[in-house]
Amino acid sequence: MTEKYSVFTAPRGGVMTKEVGVVTGELELHTAGSPDGALTLRIRYAGADEWYTVEGGPYRLHDPRDHEVLHDILIGLLHRPRH
């Protein structure tokens, strides 16, 4: 399993989670890709202990090697400047 973490500022409207609804502010994204292509996306407030599942999914990669690239794309999308 490969894992990657990044801290970012939530986009306008926040990030929807299954457990607590929308989270905003300074967040951390954790992605984990397994050899079978299963992908886990979790969010937490930066520095907090509790993780939340990003709404949607289940997520599956056609090629598990794409995990790190997808993580970087997600951070690019989530960390856009506010207008």
N, C-alpha and C. Protein backbone atom coordinates (compact mmCIF):
# COMPACT_ATOMS: atom_id res chain seq x y z
N MET A 1 0.86 -1.18 0.00
CA MET A 1 0.00 0.00 0.00
C MET A 1 0.90 1.24 0.00
N THR A 2 0.55 2.20 -0.83
CA THR A 2 1.26 3.48 -0.83
C THR A 2 0.37 4.53 -0.19
N GLU A 3 0.99 5.44 0.53
CA GLU A 3 0.26 6.51 1.21
C GLU A 3 0.92 7.84 0.93
N LYS A 4 0.08 8.89 0.91
CA LYS A 4 0.60 10.23 0.71
C LYS A 4 -0.26 11.20 1.52
N TYR A 5 0.39 12.23 2.08
CA TYR A 5 -0.27 13.24 2.91
C TYR A 5 0.08 14.62 2.38
N SER A 6 -0.89 15.56 2.42
CA SER A 6 -0.64 16.95 2.06
C SER A 6 -1.56 17.85 2.85
N VAL A 7 -1.03 18.99 3.30
CA VAL A 7 -1.82 20.01 3.99
C VAL A 7 -2.22 21.05 2.96
N PHE A 8 -3.48 21.53 3.04
CA PHE A 8 -3.99 22.53 2.10
C PHE A 8 -5.10 23.32 2.76
N THR A 9 -5.44 24.44 2.16
CA THR A 9 -6.58 25.24 2.61
C THR A 9 -7.80 24.84 1.78
N ALA A 10 -8.89 24.54 2.44
CA ALA A 10 -10.09 24.06 1.76
C ALA A 10 -10.58 25.09 0.74
N PRO A 11 -11.15 24.61 -0.37
CA PRO A 11 -11.73 25.52 -1.35
C PRO A 11 -13.03 26.12 -0.79
N ARG A 12 -13.53 27.14 -1.47
CA ARG A 12 -14.81 27.72 -1.08
C ARG A 12 -15.85 26.61 -1.04
N GLY A 13 -16.61 26.53 0.00
CA GLY A 13 -17.61 25.48 0.15
C GLY A 13 -17.09 24.27 0.91
N GLY A 14 -15.77 24.19 1.14
CA GLY A 14 -15.19 23.11 1.93
C GLY A 14 -15.13 21.79 1.20
N VAL A 15 -14.91 20.75 1.98
CA VAL A 15 -14.83 19.38 1.48
C VAL A 15 -15.90 18.58 2.20
N MET A 16 -16.74 17.87 1.45
CA MET A 16 -17.83 17.08 2.03
C MET A 16 -17.30 15.74 2.54
N THR A 17 -17.65 15.43 3.79
CA THR A 17 -17.26 14.15 4.38
C THR A 17 -18.51 13.35 4.74
N LYS A 18 -18.33 12.05 4.85
CA LYS A 18 -19.45 11.17 5.20
C LYS A 18 -19.87 11.33 6.66
N GLU A 19 -18.89 11.57 7.54
CA GLU A 19 -19.18 11.55 8.97
C GLU A 19 -19.72 12.86 9.52
N VAL A 20 -19.18 14.00 9.09
CA VAL A 20 -19.54 15.27 9.71
C VAL A 20 -19.99 16.34 8.72
N GLY A 21 -20.20 15.97 7.47
CA GLY A 21 -20.60 16.96 6.48
C GLY A 21 -19.40 17.75 6.00
N VAL A 22 -19.59 19.05 5.79
CA VAL A 22 -18.55 19.90 5.21
C VAL A 22 -17.51 20.30 6.24
N VAL A 23 -16.23 20.19 5.86
CA VAL A 23 -15.14 20.69 6.68
C VAL A 23 -14.42 21.79 5.90
N THR A 24 -13.98 22.81 6.61
CA THR A 24 -13.33 23.96 5.98
C THR A 24 -12.06 24.30 6.74
N GLY A 25 -11.31 25.23 6.18
CA GLY A 25 -10.11 25.71 6.87
C GLY A 25 -8.87 24.99 6.41
N GLU A 26 -7.89 24.92 7.30
CA GLU A 26 -6.61 24.26 7.01
C GLU A 26 -6.81 22.76 7.23
N LEU A 27 -6.69 21.99 6.15
CA LEU A 27 -6.97 20.56 6.19
C LEU A 27 -5.77 19.75 5.73
N GLU A 28 -5.84 18.45 5.99
CA GLU A 28 -4.83 17.53 5.51
C GLU A 28 -5.53 16.41 4.74
N LEU A 29 -5.02 16.11 3.56
CA LEU A 29 -5.54 15.02 2.74
C LEU A 29 -4.62 13.83 2.88
N HIS A 30 -5.20 12.67 3.13
CA HIS A 30 -4.46 11.41 3.17
C HIS A 30 -5.06 10.51 2.09
N THR A 31 -4.22 10.04 1.19
CA THR A 31 -4.67 9.07 0.20
C THR A 31 -3.85 7.80 0.39
N ALA A 32 -4.50 6.66 0.19
CA ALA A 32 -3.83 5.37 0.28
C ALA A 32 -4.28 4.51 -0.89
N GLY A 33 -3.33 4.00 -1.63
CA GLY A 33 -3.63 3.14 -2.76
C GLY A 33 -3.12 1.73 -2.49
N SER A 34 -3.97 0.74 -2.75
CA SER A 34 -3.56 -0.64 -2.53
C SER A 34 -3.23 -1.30 -3.87
N PRO A 35 -2.53 -2.42 -3.84
CA PRO A 35 -2.13 -3.08 -5.07
C PRO A 35 -3.30 -3.50 -5.97
N ASP A 36 -4.49 -3.71 -5.38
CA ASP A 36 -5.65 -4.09 -6.20
C ASP A 36 -6.36 -2.88 -6.81
N GLY A 37 -5.84 -1.66 -6.56
CA GLY A 37 -6.42 -0.45 -7.13
C GLY A 37 -7.37 0.30 -6.23
N ALA A 38 -7.72 -0.28 -5.07
CA ALA A 38 -8.61 0.42 -4.13
C ALA A 38 -7.91 1.68 -3.64
N LEU A 39 -8.68 2.77 -3.57
CA LEU A 39 -8.13 4.06 -3.16
C LEU A 39 -8.94 4.60 -2.00
N THR A 40 -8.26 5.00 -0.94
CA THR A 40 -8.89 5.59 0.23
C THR A 40 -8.56 7.08 0.26
N LEU A 41 -9.58 7.93 0.45
CA LEU A 41 -9.41 9.38 0.57
C LEU A 41 -9.96 9.81 1.92
N ARG A 42 -9.09 10.39 2.74
CA ARG A 42 -9.51 10.87 4.07
C ARG A 42 -9.04 12.30 4.26
N ILE A 43 -9.77 13.03 5.09
CA ILE A 43 -9.49 14.44 5.39
C ILE A 43 -9.51 14.61 6.90
N ARG A 44 -8.67 15.51 7.39
CA ARG A 44 -8.77 15.92 8.80
C ARG A 44 -8.34 17.37 8.88
N TYR A 45 -8.76 18.01 9.99
CA TYR A 45 -8.26 19.35 10.26
C TYR A 45 -6.76 19.20 10.51
N ALA A 46 -5.96 20.07 9.92
CA ALA A 46 -4.49 19.97 10.05
C ALA A 46 -4.11 19.90 11.53
N GLY A 47 -3.36 18.89 11.90
CA GLY A 47 -2.91 18.73 13.27
C GLY A 47 -3.87 17.97 14.18
N ALA A 48 -5.07 17.68 13.70
CA ALA A 48 -6.06 16.96 14.52
C ALA A 48 -5.78 15.46 14.49
N ASP A 49 -6.45 14.73 15.36
CA ASP A 49 -6.30 13.29 15.42
C ASP A 49 -7.31 12.54 14.57
N GLU A 50 -8.54 13.07 14.48
CA GLU A 50 -9.64 12.35 13.84
C GLU A 50 -9.68 12.57 12.33
N TRP A 51 -9.76 11.46 11.59
CA TRP A 51 -9.88 11.49 10.13
C TRP A 51 -11.32 11.29 9.71
N TYR A 52 -11.72 11.89 8.56
CA TYR A 52 -13.06 11.74 8.00
C TYR A 52 -12.94 11.23 6.57
N THR A 53 -13.90 10.44 6.15
CA THR A 53 -13.93 9.89 4.81
C THR A 53 -14.49 10.92 3.84
N VAL A 54 -13.80 11.17 2.74
CA VAL A 54 -14.29 12.09 1.72
C VAL A 54 -15.52 11.46 1.06
N GLU A 55 -16.58 12.26 0.93
CA GLU A 55 -17.84 11.79 0.36
C GLU A 55 -17.62 11.29 -1.07
N GLY A 56 -18.33 10.24 -1.43
CA GLY A 56 -18.22 9.65 -2.77
C GLY A 56 -17.67 8.25 -2.64
N GLY A 57 -17.24 7.73 -3.76
CA GLY A 57 -16.59 6.42 -3.75
C GLY A 57 -17.59 5.29 -3.67
N PRO A 58 -17.15 4.08 -3.64
CA PRO A 58 -15.76 3.70 -3.47
C PRO A 58 -14.91 4.11 -4.67
N TYR A 59 -13.66 4.37 -4.39
CA TYR A 59 -12.74 4.82 -5.42
C TYR A 59 -11.82 3.66 -5.80
N ARG A 60 -11.58 3.52 -7.11
CA ARG A 60 -10.70 2.47 -7.60
C ARG A 60 -9.88 3.02 -8.76
N LEU A 61 -8.60 2.74 -8.72
CA LEU A 61 -7.69 3.14 -9.80
C LEU A 61 -7.57 1.99 -10.80
N HIS A 62 -7.58 2.33 -12.08
CA HIS A 62 -7.35 1.32 -13.12
C HIS A 62 -5.94 0.76 -12.98
N ASP A 63 -4.99 1.65 -12.69
CA ASP A 63 -3.60 1.26 -12.51
C ASP A 63 -3.13 1.79 -11.16
N PRO A 64 -2.84 0.93 -10.20
CA PRO A 64 -2.44 1.37 -8.86
C PRO A 64 -1.23 2.30 -8.85
N ARG A 65 -0.42 2.28 -9.90
CA ARG A 65 0.75 3.16 -9.97
C ARG A 65 0.34 4.63 -10.10
N ASP A 66 -0.92 4.89 -10.41
CA ASP A 66 -1.41 6.26 -10.59
C ASP A 66 -1.73 6.96 -9.27
N HIS A 67 -1.61 6.27 -8.15
CA HIS A 67 -2.00 6.83 -6.86
C HIS A 67 -1.34 8.17 -6.56
N GLU A 68 -0.02 8.26 -6.65
CA GLU A 68 0.67 9.50 -6.28
C GLU A 68 0.31 10.64 -7.21
N VAL A 69 0.16 10.36 -8.49
CA VAL A 69 -0.23 11.40 -9.46
C VAL A 69 -1.64 11.89 -9.14
N LEU A 70 -2.55 10.98 -8.84
CA LEU A 70 -3.91 11.38 -8.50
C LEU A 70 -3.93 12.22 -7.22
N HIS A 71 -3.15 11.86 -6.24
CA HIS A 71 -3.06 12.66 -5.00
C HIS A 71 -2.67 14.10 -5.34
N ASP A 72 -1.64 14.26 -6.17
CA ASP A 72 -1.17 15.60 -6.53
C ASP A 72 -2.24 16.38 -7.30
N ILE A 73 -2.99 15.70 -8.16
CA ILE A 73 -4.08 16.36 -8.90
C ILE A 73 -5.17 16.80 -7.92
N LEU A 74 -5.53 15.94 -6.98
CA LEU A 74 -6.55 16.31 -6.00
C LEU A 74 -6.13 17.52 -5.18
N ILE A 75 -4.89 17.56 -4.75
CA ILE A 75 -4.41 18.72 -3.99
C ILE A 75 -4.49 19.97 -4.87
N GLY A 76 -4.13 19.87 -6.14
CA GLY A 76 -4.24 21.01 -7.04
C GLY A 76 -5.66 21.51 -7.17
N LEU A 77 -6.61 20.59 -7.21
CA LEU A 77 -8.02 20.98 -7.33
C LEU A 77 -8.57 21.55 -6.01
N LEU A 78 -8.17 20.95 -4.91
CA LEU A 78 -8.68 21.38 -3.61
C LEU A 78 -8.04 22.65 -3.09
N HIS A 79 -6.84 22.96 -3.55
CA HIS A 79 -6.10 24.11 -3.02
C HIS A 79 -6.07 25.26 -4.04
N ARG A 80 -7.21 25.50 -4.68
CA ARG A 80 -7.31 26.61 -5.62
C ARG A 80 -7.55 27.91 -4.89
N PRO A 81 -7.05 29.01 -5.44
CA PRO A 81 -7.29 30.31 -4.81
C PRO A 81 -8.80 30.62 -4.75
N ARG A 82 -9.20 31.27 -3.71
CA ARG A 82 -10.61 31.68 -3.58
C ARG A 82 -10.85 32.93 -4.39
N HIS A 83 -11.99 32.98 -5.06
CA HIS A 83 -12.36 34.18 -5.88
C HIS A 83 -13.51 34.88 -5.25
